Amino acid sequence: MNLSELKAKLMKDPEFREAWEDIEPEYQLIRSIIRQRLEKHMTQSELAEKAGTRQSSIARLESGSYNPSLRFLKKVAEALDARLE
């Protein structure tokens, strides 16, 4: 069973589906940050420097293990020449 098949199977469970839908916006944001950073050929360290933070903060953000403030997300967006919506 591959990942897509597993997800499809799990999505049939209402509790799983609800939990997935609750966290999906966070992961969309994380994927967007990573995609934009990579498109600009930036390392986490380069993004951190431009955003005025540490590489470890960017790593935690991208891993989903950090609950960032709106202010922090705005700094990251500005460093990526992007808009936070």
N, C-alpha and C. Protein backbone atom coordinates (compact mmCIF):
# COMPACT_ATOMS: atom_id res chain seq x y z
N MET A 1 0.85 -1.17 0.00
CA MET A 1 0.00 0.00 0.00
C MET A 1 0.90 1.24 0.00
N ASN A 2 0.65 2.15 -0.94
CA ASN A 2 1.43 3.37 -0.96
C ASN A 2 0.75 4.45 -0.11
N LEU A 3 1.40 5.60 0.01
CA LEU A 3 0.90 6.67 0.87
C LEU A 3 -0.47 7.18 0.42
N SER A 4 -0.68 7.32 -0.86
CA SER A 4 -1.97 7.81 -1.36
C SER A 4 -3.10 6.84 -1.03
N GLU A 5 -2.81 5.56 -1.16
CA GLU A 5 -3.82 4.55 -0.84
C GLU A 5 -4.13 4.54 0.66
N LEU A 6 -3.09 4.68 1.47
CA LEU A 6 -3.29 4.72 2.92
C LEU A 6 -4.12 5.93 3.31
N LYS A 7 -3.80 7.09 2.74
CA LYS A 7 -4.57 8.29 3.05
C LYS A 7 -6.02 8.12 2.65
N ALA A 8 -6.28 7.59 1.47
CA ALA A 8 -7.66 7.38 1.02
C ALA A 8 -8.41 6.46 1.98
N LYS A 9 -7.74 5.43 2.43
CA LYS A 9 -8.36 4.50 3.38
C LYS A 9 -8.66 5.20 4.70
N LEU A 10 -7.69 5.95 5.21
CA LEU A 10 -7.87 6.63 6.49
C LEU A 10 -8.93 7.73 6.42
N MET A 11 -9.05 8.38 5.26
CA MET A 11 -10.02 9.47 5.12
C MET A 11 -11.46 8.98 5.24
N LYS A 12 -11.68 7.69 5.15
CA LYS A 12 -13.03 7.14 5.32
C LYS A 12 -13.47 7.17 6.78
N ASP A 13 -12.51 7.30 7.69
CA ASP A 13 -12.80 7.39 9.12
C ASP A 13 -13.13 8.86 9.45
N PRO A 14 -14.36 9.15 9.93
CA PRO A 14 -14.77 10.54 10.19
C PRO A 14 -13.85 11.28 11.18
N GLU A 15 -13.36 10.59 12.20
CA GLU A 15 -12.47 11.23 13.17
C GLU A 15 -11.14 11.61 12.52
N PHE A 16 -10.61 10.70 11.72
CA PHE A 16 -9.36 10.98 11.02
C PHE A 16 -9.56 12.14 10.06
N ARG A 17 -10.65 12.10 9.29
CA ARG A 17 -10.92 13.15 8.30
C ARG A 17 -11.01 14.51 8.99
N GLU A 18 -11.70 14.58 10.12
CA GLU A 18 -11.84 15.84 10.84
C GLU A 18 -10.48 16.35 11.32
N ALA A 19 -9.67 15.45 11.89
CA ALA A 19 -8.34 15.84 12.36
C ALA A 19 -7.49 16.32 11.19
N TRP A 20 -7.55 15.60 10.06
CA TRP A 20 -6.78 15.98 8.87
C TRP A 20 -7.19 17.37 8.39
N GLU A 21 -8.48 17.61 8.32
CA GLU A 21 -8.97 18.90 7.83
C GLU A 21 -8.61 20.04 8.79
N ASP A 22 -8.49 19.73 10.09
CA ASP A 22 -8.10 20.75 11.06
C ASP A 22 -6.66 21.22 10.86
N ILE A 23 -5.76 20.28 10.50
CA ILE A 23 -4.35 20.66 10.39
C ILE A 23 -3.92 20.97 8.96
N GLU A 24 -4.75 20.68 7.98
CA GLU A 24 -4.36 20.88 6.58
C GLU A 24 -3.93 22.31 6.25
N PRO A 25 -4.62 23.36 6.75
CA PRO A 25 -4.16 24.72 6.42
C PRO A 25 -2.73 25.00 6.89
N GLU A 26 -2.35 24.45 8.04
CA GLU A 26 -0.98 24.63 8.53
C GLU A 26 0.02 24.01 7.56
N TYR A 27 -0.29 22.80 7.12
CA TYR A 27 0.64 22.12 6.21
C TYR A 27 0.67 22.76 4.83
N GLN A 28 -0.43 23.36 4.40
CA GLN A 28 -0.41 24.09 3.14
C GLN A 28 0.54 25.28 3.24
N LEU A 29 0.49 25.98 4.37
CA LEU A 29 1.37 27.12 4.59
C LEU A 29 2.83 26.67 4.62
N ILE A 30 3.10 25.59 5.34
CA ILE A 30 4.47 25.08 5.42
C ILE A 30 4.98 24.68 4.04
N ARG A 31 4.15 23.96 3.28
CA ARG A 31 4.57 23.57 1.92
C ARG A 31 4.85 24.79 1.05
N SER A 32 4.04 25.82 1.21
CA SER A 32 4.22 27.04 0.43
C SER A 32 5.55 27.72 0.78
N ILE A 33 5.85 27.80 2.06
CA ILE A 33 7.12 28.42 2.49
C ILE A 33 8.30 27.65 1.93
N ILE A 34 8.26 26.32 2.07
CA ILE A 34 9.37 25.50 1.58
C ILE A 34 9.50 25.65 0.06
N ARG A 35 8.38 25.59 -0.66
CA ARG A 35 8.41 25.70 -2.12
C ARG A 35 9.01 27.04 -2.55
N GLN A 36 8.56 28.13 -1.91
CA GLN A 36 9.08 29.45 -2.29
C GLN A 36 10.56 29.59 -1.96
N ARG A 37 10.97 29.05 -0.81
CA ARG A 37 12.38 29.11 -0.45
C ARG A 37 13.23 28.37 -1.48
N LEU A 38 12.78 27.18 -1.86
CA LEU A 38 13.53 26.38 -2.83
C LEU A 38 13.53 27.02 -4.21
N GLU A 39 12.41 27.61 -4.61
CA GLU A 39 12.35 28.29 -5.91
C GLU A 39 13.34 29.45 -5.98
N LYS A 40 13.61 30.06 -4.82
CA LYS A 40 14.57 31.16 -4.77
C LYS A 40 15.98 30.66 -4.49
N HIS A 41 16.15 29.34 -4.48
CA HIS A 41 17.45 28.72 -4.25
C HIS A 41 18.09 29.22 -2.96
N MET A 42 17.25 29.33 -1.91
CA MET A 42 17.72 29.79 -0.61
C MET A 42 17.83 28.61 0.35
N THR A 43 18.85 28.64 1.19
CA THR A 43 18.95 27.67 2.26
C THR A 43 18.12 28.18 3.44
N GLN A 44 17.91 27.32 4.40
CA GLN A 44 17.21 27.76 5.62
C GLN A 44 18.01 28.87 6.30
N SER A 45 19.31 28.76 6.29
CA SER A 45 20.17 29.78 6.91
C SER A 45 20.03 31.12 6.22
N GLU A 46 19.98 31.10 4.89
CA GLU A 46 19.83 32.34 4.14
C GLU A 46 18.47 32.98 4.40
N LEU A 47 17.44 32.16 4.45
CA LEU A 47 16.11 32.70 4.75
C LEU A 47 16.08 33.26 6.16
N ALA A 48 16.68 32.55 7.09
CA ALA A 48 16.71 33.01 8.48
C ALA A 48 17.41 34.36 8.60
N GLU A 49 18.55 34.48 7.94
CA GLU A 49 19.29 35.75 7.99
C GLU A 49 18.45 36.89 7.42
N LYS A 50 17.82 36.64 6.32
CA LYS A 50 17.00 37.67 5.68
C LYS A 50 15.77 38.03 6.53
N ALA A 51 15.25 37.05 7.29
CA ALA A 51 14.07 37.28 8.13
C ALA A 51 14.45 37.77 9.53
N GLY A 52 15.74 37.79 9.82
CA GLY A 52 16.19 38.27 11.13
C GLY A 52 15.96 37.26 12.24
N THR A 53 16.16 35.99 11.93
CA THR A 53 15.97 34.93 12.92
C THR A 53 17.08 33.91 12.77
N ARG A 54 16.95 32.78 13.46
CA ARG A 54 17.96 31.72 13.39
C ARG A 54 17.50 30.61 12.45
N GLN A 55 18.46 29.88 11.91
CA GLN A 55 18.15 28.75 11.03
C GLN A 55 17.30 27.73 11.76
N SER A 56 17.54 27.52 13.04
CA SER A 56 16.76 26.53 13.80
C SER A 56 15.28 26.91 13.86
N SER A 57 14.98 28.20 13.87
CA SER A 57 13.58 28.63 13.87
C SER A 57 12.91 28.30 12.53
N ILE A 58 13.65 28.48 11.46
CA ILE A 58 13.11 28.14 10.13
C ILE A 58 12.93 26.63 10.03
N ALA A 59 13.88 25.87 10.54
CA ALA A 59 13.78 24.40 10.51
C ALA A 59 12.56 23.93 11.29
N ARG A 60 12.34 24.51 12.48
CA ARG A 60 11.16 24.12 13.28
C ARG A 60 9.87 24.51 12.55
N LEU A 61 9.86 25.68 11.92
CA LEU A 61 8.69 26.11 11.17
C LEU A 61 8.39 25.13 10.04
N GLU A 62 9.41 24.78 9.27
CA GLU A 62 9.23 23.90 8.12
C GLU A 62 8.90 22.46 8.53
N SER A 63 9.26 22.07 9.73
CA SER A 63 8.96 20.71 10.19
C SER A 63 7.55 20.61 10.78
N GLY A 64 6.95 21.76 11.06
CA GLY A 64 5.63 21.75 11.67
C GLY A 64 5.66 21.61 13.18
N SER A 65 6.84 21.69 13.77
CA SER A 65 6.96 21.51 15.21
C SER A 65 7.00 22.84 15.96
N TYR A 66 6.64 23.90 15.30
CA TYR A 66 6.72 25.24 15.87
C TYR A 66 5.40 25.94 15.60
N ASN A 67 4.87 26.59 16.61
CA ASN A 67 3.63 27.35 16.45
C ASN A 67 4.01 28.82 16.36
N PRO A 68 4.27 29.31 15.16
CA PRO A 68 4.81 30.67 15.00
C PRO A 68 3.74 31.73 15.22
N SER A 69 4.22 32.90 15.59
CA SER A 69 3.33 34.05 15.71
C SER A 69 3.06 34.61 14.32
N LEU A 70 2.02 35.38 14.22
CA LEU A 70 1.71 36.04 12.95
C LEU A 70 2.85 36.98 12.57
N ARG A 71 3.42 37.64 13.55
CA ARG A 71 4.55 38.54 13.30
C ARG A 71 5.73 37.79 12.66
N PHE A 72 6.03 36.59 13.19
CA PHE A 72 7.12 35.78 12.63
C PHE A 72 6.81 35.38 11.19
N LEU A 73 5.57 34.94 10.95
CA LEU A 73 5.19 34.54 9.59
C LEU A 73 5.28 35.71 8.61
N LYS A 74 4.94 36.90 9.08
CA LYS A 74 5.06 38.08 8.22
C LYS A 74 6.52 38.35 7.87
N LYS A 75 7.42 38.18 8.84
CA LYS A 75 8.85 38.38 8.57
C LYS A 75 9.36 37.37 7.55
N VAL A 76 8.91 36.14 7.68
CA VAL A 76 9.33 35.09 6.73
C VAL A 76 8.78 35.41 5.35
N ALA A 77 7.52 35.82 5.28
CA ALA A 77 6.91 36.16 3.99
C ALA A 77 7.67 37.32 3.33
N GLU A 78 7.99 38.34 4.09
CA GLU A 78 8.74 39.47 3.54
C GLU A 78 10.11 39.03 3.03
N ALA A 79 10.75 38.14 3.78
CA ALA A 79 12.07 37.64 3.37
C ALA A 79 12.00 36.85 2.07
N LEU A 80 10.81 36.28 1.80
CA LEU A 80 10.60 35.53 0.56
C LEU A 80 10.00 36.39 -0.54
N ASP A 81 9.86 37.69 -0.27
CA ASP A 81 9.19 38.60 -1.21
C ASP A 81 7.80 38.08 -1.56
N ALA A 82 7.09 37.65 -0.52
CA ALA A 82 5.75 37.08 -0.70
C ALA A 82 4.76 37.80 0.21
N ARG A 83 3.50 37.50 -0.02
CA ARG A 83 2.43 38.07 0.82
C ARG A 83 1.85 36.96 1.67
N LEU A 84 1.53 37.30 2.90
CA LEU A 84 0.87 36.36 3.78
C LEU A 84 -0.63 36.60 3.66
N GLU A 85 -1.36 35.58 3.23
CA GLU A 85 -2.80 35.71 3.06
C GLU A 85 -3.51 34.71 3.93
